[in-house]
Amino acid sequence: MPARRSTAKASPPADTARRELVLRLKRVEGQLRAVQRMIEEGNDCEPIAQQLTAARKALDKAFFELMACAIEHPEFSNGSEKDPLRVQRLTRTLAKLG
């Protein structure tokens, strides 16, 4: 799903959260490249599985941080959406993907 750009000016905490999330995803990208290299080099399965587990946990953490941002910063959600509807939508997203 493409990210929606907001026309609202991001607050400093939101900017910091965004930077931290991008850095986390770059680290996960590095972990996945390392896993690819390990597979290409014929490493044992157990260390590869450990690295995949670490990458999956990092992605899970990024997902939950993103959802927390959506909850904490309603100004970045659909402006026409009433708060109870927004909460319901976020709850469905968490139940489906979390």
N, C-alpha and C. Protein backbone atom coordinates (compact mmCIF):
# COMPACT_ATOMS: atom_id res chain seq x y z
N MET A 1 0.85 -1.16 0.00
CA MET A 1 0.00 0.00 0.00
C MET A 1 0.90 1.23 0.00
N PRO A 2 0.72 2.16 -0.94
CA PRO A 2 1.58 3.33 -0.99
C PRO A 2 1.33 4.24 0.20
N ALA A 3 2.42 4.86 0.63
CA ALA A 3 2.30 5.79 1.75
C ALA A 3 1.63 7.05 1.26
N ARG A 4 0.78 7.61 2.10
CA ARG A 4 0.08 8.83 1.75
C ARG A 4 0.86 10.00 2.31
N ARG A 5 1.09 10.99 1.48
CA ARG A 5 1.81 12.18 1.94
C ARG A 5 0.80 13.16 2.51
N SER A 6 1.17 13.73 3.60
CA SER A 6 0.31 14.71 4.24
C SER A 6 0.76 16.10 3.84
N THR A 7 -0.21 16.99 3.69
CA THR A 7 0.13 18.37 3.39
C THR A 7 0.42 19.13 4.68
N ALA A 8 0.09 18.54 5.83
CA ALA A 8 0.36 19.18 7.10
C ALA A 8 1.85 19.13 7.40
N LYS A 9 2.35 20.16 8.04
CA LYS A 9 3.76 20.21 8.42
C LYS A 9 3.99 19.24 9.56
N ALA A 10 4.99 18.38 9.44
CA ALA A 10 5.30 17.39 10.47
C ALA A 10 5.87 18.08 11.70
N SER A 11 5.45 17.61 12.86
CA SER A 11 5.99 18.15 14.10
C SER A 11 7.36 17.54 14.34
N PRO A 12 8.22 18.18 15.13
CA PRO A 12 9.56 17.62 15.38
C PRO A 12 9.52 16.18 15.89
N PRO A 13 8.63 15.80 16.84
CA PRO A 13 8.60 14.39 17.24
C PRO A 13 8.25 13.46 16.08
N ALA A 14 7.36 13.90 15.21
CA ALA A 14 7.00 13.08 14.05
C ALA A 14 8.18 12.95 13.10
N ASP A 15 8.93 14.05 12.91
CA ASP A 15 10.12 13.99 12.06
C ASP A 15 11.14 13.01 12.63
N THR A 16 11.34 13.08 13.94
CA THR A 16 12.30 12.17 14.60
C THR A 16 11.83 10.73 14.44
N ALA A 17 10.56 10.48 14.67
CA ALA A 17 10.02 9.12 14.54
C ALA A 17 10.19 8.61 13.12
N ARG A 18 9.96 9.48 12.14
CA ARG A 18 10.11 9.08 10.74
C ARG A 18 11.55 8.71 10.44
N ARG A 19 12.50 9.54 10.89
CA ARG A 19 13.92 9.25 10.66
C ARG A 19 14.32 7.93 11.31
N GLU A 20 13.85 7.71 12.55
CA GLU A 20 14.20 6.48 13.26
C GLU A 20 13.62 5.26 12.55
N LEU A 21 12.41 5.39 12.02
CA LEU A 21 11.80 4.28 11.30
C LEU A 21 12.57 3.97 10.03
N VAL A 22 12.97 4.99 9.30
CA VAL A 22 13.74 4.77 8.07
C VAL A 22 15.08 4.10 8.40
N LEU A 23 15.72 4.55 9.47
CA LEU A 23 17.00 3.92 9.86
C LEU A 23 16.80 2.46 10.24
N ARG A 24 15.72 2.17 10.96
CA ARG A 24 15.43 0.78 11.33
C ARG A 24 15.24 -0.07 10.08
N LEU A 25 14.50 0.45 9.11
CA LEU A 25 14.27 -0.32 7.89
C LEU A 25 15.55 -0.50 7.08
N LYS A 26 16.43 0.48 7.12
CA LYS A 26 17.72 0.32 6.44
C LYS A 26 18.56 -0.77 7.11
N ARG A 27 18.47 -0.85 8.44
CA ARG A 27 19.19 -1.93 9.15
C ARG A 27 18.61 -3.29 8.76
N VAL A 28 17.29 -3.38 8.67
CA VAL A 28 16.65 -4.64 8.25
C VAL A 28 17.10 -5.00 6.83
N GLU A 29 17.15 -4.00 5.97
CA GLU A 29 17.62 -4.23 4.61
C GLU A 29 19.03 -4.82 4.62
N GLY A 30 19.89 -4.28 5.47
CA GLY A 30 21.24 -4.81 5.60
C GLY A 30 21.25 -6.24 6.11
N GLN A 31 20.37 -6.52 7.07
CA GLN A 31 20.27 -7.89 7.59
C GLN A 31 19.85 -8.85 6.48
N LEU A 32 18.90 -8.44 5.67
CA LEU A 32 18.42 -9.32 4.60
C LEU A 32 19.48 -9.53 3.53
N ARG A 33 20.26 -8.50 3.25
CA ARG A 33 21.37 -8.67 2.30
C ARG A 33 22.40 -9.66 2.86
N ALA A 34 22.63 -9.58 4.16
CA ALA A 34 23.56 -10.53 4.80
C ALA A 34 23.02 -11.95 4.71
N VAL A 35 21.71 -12.11 4.89
CA VAL A 35 21.10 -13.44 4.77
C VAL A 35 21.27 -13.96 3.34
N GLN A 36 21.04 -13.12 2.37
CA GLN A 36 21.22 -13.53 0.97
C GLN A 36 22.66 -13.98 0.74
N ARG A 37 23.60 -13.21 1.27
CA ARG A 37 25.02 -13.55 1.10
C ARG A 37 25.32 -14.89 1.77
N MET A 38 24.76 -15.10 2.97
CA MET A 38 25.00 -16.36 3.69
C MET A 38 24.48 -17.55 2.88
N ILE A 39 23.32 -17.37 2.27
CA ILE A 39 22.74 -18.46 1.45
C ILE A 39 23.62 -18.71 0.23
N GLU A 40 24.02 -17.63 -0.44
CA GLU A 40 24.88 -17.77 -1.63
C GLU A 40 26.20 -18.45 -1.30
N GLU A 41 26.72 -18.18 -0.10
CA GLU A 41 28.00 -18.76 0.32
C GLU A 41 27.85 -20.18 0.87
N GLY A 42 26.61 -20.65 0.98
CA GLY A 42 26.38 -22.02 1.43
C GLY A 42 26.51 -22.21 2.94
N ASN A 43 26.25 -21.18 3.72
CA ASN A 43 26.32 -21.31 5.18
C ASN A 43 25.27 -22.29 5.69
N ASP A 44 25.48 -22.74 6.93
CA ASP A 44 24.52 -23.65 7.56
C ASP A 44 23.18 -22.96 7.75
N CYS A 45 22.14 -23.77 7.80
CA CYS A 45 20.78 -23.24 7.90
C CYS A 45 20.50 -22.56 9.24
N GLU A 46 21.06 -23.08 10.33
CA GLU A 46 20.73 -22.53 11.64
C GLU A 46 21.12 -21.06 11.79
N PRO A 47 22.36 -20.67 11.45
CA PRO A 47 22.67 -19.24 11.56
C PRO A 47 21.85 -18.37 10.60
N ILE A 48 21.50 -18.92 9.45
CA ILE A 48 20.65 -18.18 8.51
C ILE A 48 19.28 -17.97 9.13
N ALA A 49 18.73 -19.01 9.73
CA ALA A 49 17.42 -18.91 10.39
C ALA A 49 17.47 -17.90 11.53
N GLN A 50 18.58 -17.85 12.27
CA GLN A 50 18.71 -16.88 13.35
C GLN A 50 18.68 -15.46 12.81
N GLN A 51 19.36 -15.23 11.69
CA GLN A 51 19.37 -13.90 11.09
C GLN A 51 17.99 -13.53 10.54
N LEU A 52 17.30 -14.49 9.95
CA LEU A 52 15.94 -14.23 9.46
C LEU A 52 15.01 -13.88 10.62
N THR A 53 15.16 -14.58 11.74
CA THR A 53 14.35 -14.29 12.92
C THR A 53 14.61 -12.88 13.42
N ALA A 54 15.87 -12.47 13.45
CA ALA A 54 16.22 -11.12 13.90
C ALA A 54 15.61 -10.08 12.95
N ALA A 55 15.67 -10.33 11.66
CA ALA A 55 15.11 -9.39 10.68
C ALA A 55 13.59 -9.32 10.83
N ARG A 56 12.96 -10.45 11.03
CA ARG A 56 11.50 -10.47 11.21
C ARG A 56 11.09 -9.70 12.45
N LYS A 57 11.83 -9.88 13.55
CA LYS A 57 11.52 -9.14 14.78
C LYS A 57 11.70 -7.64 14.58
N ALA A 58 12.73 -7.26 13.84
CA ALA A 58 12.97 -5.83 13.57
C ALA A 58 11.84 -5.26 12.72
N LEU A 59 11.36 -6.02 11.75
CA LEU A 59 10.22 -5.58 10.94
C LEU A 59 8.96 -5.46 11.78
N ASP A 60 8.74 -6.43 12.67
CA ASP A 60 7.58 -6.37 13.57
C ASP A 60 7.64 -5.10 14.43
N LYS A 61 8.81 -4.79 14.96
CA LYS A 61 8.96 -3.60 15.78
C LYS A 61 8.68 -2.35 14.96
N ALA A 62 9.16 -2.31 13.72
CA ALA A 62 8.90 -1.17 12.84
C ALA A 62 7.40 -1.02 12.59
N PHE A 63 6.72 -2.13 12.37
CA PHE A 63 5.27 -2.11 12.15
C PHE A 63 4.55 -1.52 13.35
N PHE A 64 4.89 -1.98 14.54
CA PHE A 64 4.19 -1.50 15.73
C PHE A 64 4.53 -0.04 16.02
N GLU A 65 5.74 0.38 15.72
CA GLU A 65 6.08 1.79 15.89
C GLU A 65 5.30 2.65 14.90
N LEU A 66 5.12 2.16 13.70
CA LEU A 66 4.34 2.88 12.71
C LEU A 66 2.88 2.99 13.14
N MET A 67 2.32 1.93 13.67
CA MET A 67 0.95 1.97 14.15
C MET A 67 0.82 2.91 15.35
N ALA A 68 1.81 2.92 16.22
CA ALA A 68 1.79 3.85 17.36
C ALA A 68 1.80 5.29 16.86
N CYS A 69 2.57 5.54 15.82
CA CYS A 69 2.61 6.88 15.23
C CYS A 69 1.24 7.26 14.69
N ALA A 70 0.57 6.33 14.05
CA ALA A 70 -0.77 6.60 13.51
C ALA A 70 -1.75 6.92 14.63
N ILE A 71 -1.58 6.27 15.77
CA ILE A 71 -2.46 6.52 16.91
C ILE A 71 -2.12 7.85 17.57
N GLU A 72 -0.83 8.12 17.74
CA GLU A 72 -0.39 9.33 18.45
C GLU A 72 -0.53 10.60 17.62
N HIS A 73 -0.52 10.48 16.30
CA HIS A 73 -0.54 11.66 15.43
C HIS A 73 -1.74 11.60 14.48
N PRO A 74 -2.93 11.84 15.01
CA PRO A 74 -4.13 11.75 14.15
C PRO A 74 -4.13 12.80 13.04
N GLU A 75 -3.32 13.85 13.17
CA GLU A 75 -3.29 14.88 12.14
C GLU A 75 -2.76 14.35 10.81
N PHE A 76 -2.12 13.18 10.81
CA PHE A 76 -1.60 12.60 9.58
C PHE A 76 -2.55 11.58 8.97
N SER A 77 -3.72 11.42 9.57
CA SER A 77 -4.70 10.50 9.00
C SER A 77 -5.70 11.29 8.15
N ASN A 78 -6.63 10.60 7.57
CA ASN A 78 -7.65 11.21 6.72
C ASN A 78 -8.39 12.29 7.52
N GLY A 79 -8.28 13.53 7.11
CA GLY A 79 -8.88 14.65 7.83
C GLY A 79 -10.38 14.57 7.96
N SER A 80 -11.07 13.90 7.03
CA SER A 80 -12.52 13.83 7.08
C SER A 80 -13.01 12.69 7.98
N GLU A 81 -12.09 11.89 8.43
CA GLU A 81 -12.46 10.71 9.23
C GLU A 81 -12.67 11.11 10.70
N LYS A 82 -13.81 10.76 11.25
CA LYS A 82 -14.11 11.03 12.65
C LYS A 82 -13.28 10.10 13.52
N ASP A 83 -12.95 10.55 14.73
CA ASP A 83 -12.06 9.80 15.61
C ASP A 83 -12.50 8.35 15.85
N PRO A 84 -13.78 8.08 16.17
CA PRO A 84 -14.17 6.67 16.37
C PRO A 84 -13.95 5.82 15.13
N LEU A 85 -14.18 6.38 13.95
CA LEU A 85 -13.95 5.63 12.71
C LEU A 85 -12.46 5.35 12.51
N ARG A 86 -11.65 6.33 12.83
CA ARG A 86 -10.20 6.17 12.72
C ARG A 86 -9.70 5.09 13.66
N VAL A 87 -10.19 5.09 14.88
CA VAL A 87 -9.80 4.07 15.86
C VAL A 87 -10.24 2.69 15.37
N GLN A 88 -11.45 2.59 14.83
CA GLN A 88 -11.92 1.30 14.30
C GLN A 88 -11.02 0.82 13.17
N ARG A 89 -10.66 1.75 12.27
CA ARG A 89 -9.80 1.37 11.13
C ARG A 89 -8.43 0.90 11.62
N LEU A 90 -7.84 1.62 12.57
CA LEU A 90 -6.54 1.22 13.10
C LEU A 90 -6.64 -0.12 13.83
N THR A 91 -7.72 -0.33 14.56
CA THR A 91 -7.92 -1.60 15.26
C THR A 91 -8.03 -2.76 14.27
N ARG A 92 -8.76 -2.54 13.18
CA ARG A 92 -8.85 -3.60 12.15
C ARG A 92 -7.50 -3.88 11.53
N THR A 93 -6.73 -2.83 11.28
CA THR A 93 -5.40 -3.02 10.71
C THR A 93 -4.51 -3.83 11.65
N LEU A 94 -4.54 -3.48 12.94
CA LEU A 94 -3.74 -4.23 13.91
C LEU A 94 -4.18 -5.68 14.00
N ALA A 95 -5.48 -5.92 14.00
CA ALA A 95 -5.99 -7.29 14.10
C ALA A 95 -5.62 -8.11 12.86
N LYS A 96 -5.64 -7.47 11.71
CA LYS A 96 -5.35 -8.17 10.46
C LYS A 96 -3.87 -8.42 10.27
N LEU A 97 -3.05 -7.45 10.61
CA LEU A 97 -1.64 -7.52 10.28
C LEU A 97 -0.71 -7.77 11.47
N GLY A 98 -1.19 -7.46 12.64
CA GLY A 98 -0.32 -7.55 13.82
C GLY A 98 -0.13 -8.93 14.35
